[in-house]
Structure formats: C-alpha cells, structure tokens
Amino acid sequence: MKFVNAVLTLSLLPLPLIAVAQDANHQCPHMMDSTQHMSHETTSTSGLSDEQRTEYVNGEGMGLARPAELNHYPGPRHVLDNADKLQLSSDQLAKTQALFQEVHTKAQALGKEIVAKEDELDSLFRDQRADVEKVSSLTSEIARLQGELRALHLSMHIRERAVLSPEQVAKYDSLRNYMPGSNPGAMHQR
C-alpha cells in the first residue's frame, strides 16, 4: 500500500511543476517557446532591436541619464524644447545649443561604434566562430562603449544644470512633471 501511495504522490507531483513552468514561460524570456521568441525578433542583423539600433545611430538619450534627469539635472535637448517657457537668455540658449550639439555628435559616434560591435558579436555566432575568449573580449568592449556613452549623457546634464538658475531648474522639473524633491540649489559656473 505504501508503494501505491508513493506512486500516486509522485504521479501528481509533476502537475504543479508543469503549471509553474508554464507560468514561468510567460515571465522569463529565456524559457520562451519558439513562437514566443519569434515575436521578439527584428529585421536587424544584430542582437539589437531596430529601435535600439536607430537610437544608437541617431545619438538619442535612451534614458541613459535618468538619474540626472530625475534629480534636478536637466538635459540639453529638453531644455531646448522648453526654451521659451524657461525664459532662457541668449547666452543660456547659445550654451545649451552648444552642449546639445556636442552630446549629439559624440553620442552618434559612440552609438555607431556600439552597433558595429554588436553586429560583430552577432557575426561570430551566425558564422559559427564564437568562442569564450572572443565573446568575452567583444562584450567587454561593448560594455566599455556603453559606459562611455552613459557617462557622456550624464555629464551633459551636469553641465546643463550649471547654465540654468535654480528657478529655471525647478520650472524645468515642473514642465517635465517630476515630483518635487530636495531643492535643486545653485550650480552656476558663469
């Protein structure tokens, strides 16, 4: 009788595990079936989505400076978008335009490098040439470039804040619908 109970218990055990596995399948991209995986594919040739590829190549911010943005460090692009509402002086406008042009040009160059390295990584796997050393080296280089890109965006927010008055920073936060927090304070380097 103990044997029968053990068999019955064991035969029932996989049912909850199957349910958990199916539930996990919907939450974890590593456990997707092939039809779910196909919905995440893009027409690009690398592991980047088409949207990521475009953002990198166009030098877009991609949320890389979110810690700055949410803590009273405005970004040049959004300051330019709100120049009239922020009542920028001609000097502030010129400085902000210069910062935006600098970040945009440098971000485009870094973005193109990242896309090229991602394509190289994809090629290693596509051409069956991937090995641990090559992949490790290439992913380290991609990470370095991504870090450099993020530091670029964050540093431009620091530099932009130095151009604005504390009142303009507070107005910017309000225009961007950020929750009020600690006082942005002055950071002028005029």
Protein backbone atom coordinates (compact mmCIF):
# COMPACT_ATOMS: atom_id res chain seq x y z
CA MET A 1 0.00 0.00 0.00
CA LYS A 2 2.87 2.38 0.79
CA PHE A 3 4.24 1.74 -2.69
CA VAL A 4 0.90 2.66 -4.31
CA ASN A 5 0.65 5.86 -2.23
CA ALA A 6 4.21 6.81 -3.18
CA VAL A 7 3.49 6.22 -6.87
CA LEU A 8 0.27 8.24 -6.67
CA THR A 9 2.04 11.06 -4.85
CA LEU A 10 4.86 11.12 -7.38
CA SER A 11 2.46 10.96 -10.32
CA LEU A 12 0.64 14.02 -9.02
CA LEU A 13 3.84 15.98 -8.33
CA PRO A 14 4.64 16.98 -11.92
CA LEU A 15 1.28 18.69 -12.46
CA PRO A 16 2.03 21.68 -10.23
CA LEU A 17 5.56 21.80 -11.59
CA ILE A 18 4.23 21.90 -15.14
CA ALA A 19 1.94 24.78 -14.17
CA VAL A 20 4.86 26.65 -12.61
CA ALA A 21 6.99 26.02 -15.69
CA GLN A 22 4.21 27.24 -17.97
CA ASP A 23 3.72 30.34 -15.82
CA ALA A 24 7.48 30.98 -15.82
CA ASN A 25 7.48 30.55 -19.57
CA HIS A 26 5.35 33.68 -19.85
CA GLN A 27 7.56 35.69 -17.50
CA CYS A 28 11.10 34.65 -18.35
CA PRO A 29 12.41 35.31 -21.87
CA HIS A 30 14.98 32.52 -21.50
CA MET A 31 12.19 29.94 -21.25
CA MET A 32 10.13 31.07 -24.26
CA ASP A 33 8.94 28.59 -26.81
CA SER A 34 9.88 29.21 -30.44
CA THR A 35 6.66 31.05 -31.35
CA GLN A 36 7.10 33.46 -28.44
CA HIS A 37 10.75 34.00 -29.36
CA MET A 38 9.83 34.81 -32.97
CA SER A 39 7.65 37.71 -31.79
CA HIS A 40 10.79 39.36 -30.31
CA GLU A 41 12.86 39.07 -33.46
CA THR A 42 13.54 42.05 -35.66
CA THR A 43 14.76 42.59 -39.17
CA SER A 44 18.09 43.94 -37.97
CA THR A 45 21.18 41.80 -38.35
CA SER A 46 22.32 42.04 -34.75
CA GLY A 47 21.01 41.31 -31.28
CA LEU A 48 19.79 44.90 -31.16
CA SER A 49 16.18 45.67 -31.90
CA ASP A 50 15.52 48.03 -34.79
CA GLU A 51 14.53 50.69 -32.26
CA GLN A 52 17.78 50.32 -30.29
CA ARG A 53 19.81 50.42 -33.48
CA THR A 54 18.10 53.64 -34.56
CA GLU A 55 18.53 55.24 -31.14
CA TYR A 56 22.24 54.44 -31.03
CA VAL A 57 22.92 55.63 -34.57
CA ASN A 58 20.89 58.83 -34.06
CA GLY A 59 22.67 59.67 -30.79
CA GLU A 60 19.48 59.62 -28.73
CA GLY A 61 19.46 59.66 -24.93
CA MET A 62 17.61 56.33 -24.45
CA GLY A 63 17.03 57.11 -20.77
CA LEU A 64 20.75 56.78 -20.02
CA ALA A 65 20.74 59.96 -17.95
CA ARG A 66 17.59 59.16 -15.97
CA PRO A 67 19.34 59.51 -12.55
CA ALA A 68 20.35 63.04 -13.50
CA GLU A 69 17.02 63.93 -15.07
CA LEU A 70 15.01 62.80 -12.06
CA ASN A 71 17.26 64.62 -9.58
CA HIS A 72 17.21 68.19 -10.87
CA TYR A 73 19.84 67.91 -13.62
CA PRO A 74 18.06 68.92 -16.85
CA GLY A 75 19.16 67.64 -20.22
CA PRO A 76 20.12 70.00 -23.05
CA ARG A 77 17.61 68.60 -25.54
CA HIS A 78 14.65 69.03 -23.22
CA VAL A 79 15.87 72.46 -22.13
CA LEU A 80 15.90 73.48 -25.80
CA ASP A 81 12.41 72.03 -26.21
CA ASN A 82 11.26 74.30 -23.36
CA ALA A 83 13.49 77.30 -24.03
CA ASP A 84 10.61 79.80 -24.21
CA LYS A 85 8.89 78.51 -21.07
CA LEU A 86 12.21 78.54 -19.20
CA GLN A 87 12.89 82.08 -20.46
CA LEU A 88 16.45 81.30 -21.43
CA SER A 89 18.69 84.28 -22.02
CA SER A 90 20.51 84.46 -25.34
CA ASP A 91 23.69 83.36 -23.54
CA GLN A 92 21.93 80.39 -21.92
CA LEU A 93 20.38 79.43 -25.24
CA ALA A 94 23.76 79.54 -27.01
CA LYS A 95 25.42 77.45 -24.27
CA THR A 96 22.59 74.91 -24.29
CA GLN A 97 22.70 74.61 -28.08
CA ALA A 98 26.45 74.02 -27.90
CA LEU A 99 26.00 71.35 -25.22
CA PHE A 100 23.30 69.63 -27.25
CA GLN A 101 25.41 69.66 -30.40
CA GLU A 102 28.39 68.27 -28.51
CA VAL A 103 26.46 65.43 -26.88
CA HIS A 104 24.60 64.64 -30.09
CA THR A 105 27.76 64.42 -32.21
CA LYS A 106 29.69 62.35 -29.68
CA ALA A 107 26.70 60.10 -28.90
CA GLN A 108 26.20 59.37 -32.60
CA ALA A 109 29.83 58.35 -32.98
CA LEU A 110 29.72 56.10 -29.90
CA GLY A 111 26.36 54.71 -30.96
CA LYS A 112 27.72 53.74 -34.35
CA GLU A 113 30.66 52.01 -32.66
CA ILE A 114 28.29 50.09 -30.39
CA VAL A 115 26.14 48.98 -33.33
CA ALA A 116 29.24 47.85 -35.22
CA LYS A 117 30.47 45.82 -32.23
CA GLU A 118 27.00 44.29 -31.74
CA ASP A 119 26.99 43.32 -35.42
CA GLU A 120 30.44 41.79 -34.98
CA LEU A 121 29.18 39.81 -31.99
CA ASP A 122 26.20 38.59 -33.97
CA SER A 123 28.51 37.61 -36.82
CA LEU A 124 30.62 35.45 -34.51
CA PHE A 125 27.56 33.39 -33.64
CA ARG A 126 25.94 33.47 -37.09
CA ASP A 127 29.17 32.25 -38.74
CA GLN A 128 29.78 29.64 -36.03
CA ARG A 129 33.07 31.32 -35.00
CA ALA A 130 32.09 32.15 -31.40
CA ASP A 131 34.36 31.08 -28.61
CA VAL A 132 34.58 32.18 -24.99
CA GLU A 133 37.64 34.39 -25.46
CA LYS A 134 36.28 36.27 -28.50
CA VAL A 135 32.86 36.75 -26.93
CA SER A 136 34.34 37.90 -23.63
CA SER A 137 36.58 40.42 -25.36
CA LEU A 138 33.84 41.78 -27.58
CA THR A 139 31.21 42.06 -24.85
CA SER A 140 33.76 43.84 -22.63
CA GLU A 141 34.37 46.34 -25.44
CA ILE A 142 30.62 46.85 -25.92
CA ALA A 143 30.20 47.41 -22.18
CA ARG A 144 33.05 49.95 -22.19
CA LEU A 145 31.46 51.85 -25.07
CA GLN A 146 28.04 51.77 -23.40
CA GLY A 147 29.60 53.10 -20.19
CA GLU A 148 31.31 55.87 -22.10
CA LEU A 149 28.02 56.77 -23.79
CA ARG A 150 26.16 56.86 -20.49
CA ALA A 151 28.87 58.99 -18.85
CA LEU A 152 28.65 61.39 -21.80
CA HIS A 153 24.90 61.85 -21.36
CA LEU A 154 25.15 62.21 -17.58
CA SER A 155 27.98 64.74 -17.82
CA MET A 156 25.94 66.90 -20.22
CA HIS A 157 23.16 67.05 -17.64
CA ILE A 158 25.67 68.26 -15.06
CA ARG A 159 26.99 70.87 -17.45
CA GLU A 160 23.46 71.96 -18.43
CA ARG A 161 22.43 72.47 -14.83
CA ALA A 162 25.35 74.85 -14.38
CA VAL A 163 23.90 77.00 -17.18
CA LEU A 164 20.48 77.39 -15.53
CA SER A 165 19.29 79.23 -12.44
CA PRO A 166 17.75 77.22 -9.57
CA GLU A 167 14.37 78.73 -10.54
CA GLN A 168 14.77 77.51 -14.11
CA VAL A 169 15.69 74.03 -12.89
CA ALA A 170 12.58 73.99 -10.68
CA LYS A 171 10.47 75.20 -13.64
CA TYR A 172 12.03 72.50 -15.84
CA ASP A 173 11.14 69.84 -13.26
CA SER A 174 7.58 71.14 -13.23
CA LEU A 175 7.35 71.18 -17.04
CA ARG A 176 8.64 67.60 -17.17
CA ASN A 177 6.20 66.56 -14.41
CA TYR A 178 8.87 65.43 -11.98
CA MET A 179 7.91 65.14 -8.35
CA PRO A 180 9.30 67.90 -6.19
CA GLY A 181 12.15 66.73 -4.06
CA SER A 182 15.10 68.41 -2.48
CA ASN A 183 15.91 71.91 -3.63
CA PRO A 184 17.98 71.83 -6.82
CA GLY A 185 20.25 74.56 -5.46
CA ALA A 186 22.68 76.64 -7.44
CA MET A 187 25.44 75.20 -9.60
CA HIS A 188 26.46 78.21 -11.60
CA GLN A 189 29.81 78.29 -13.32
CA ARG A 190 29.34 81.51 -15.24
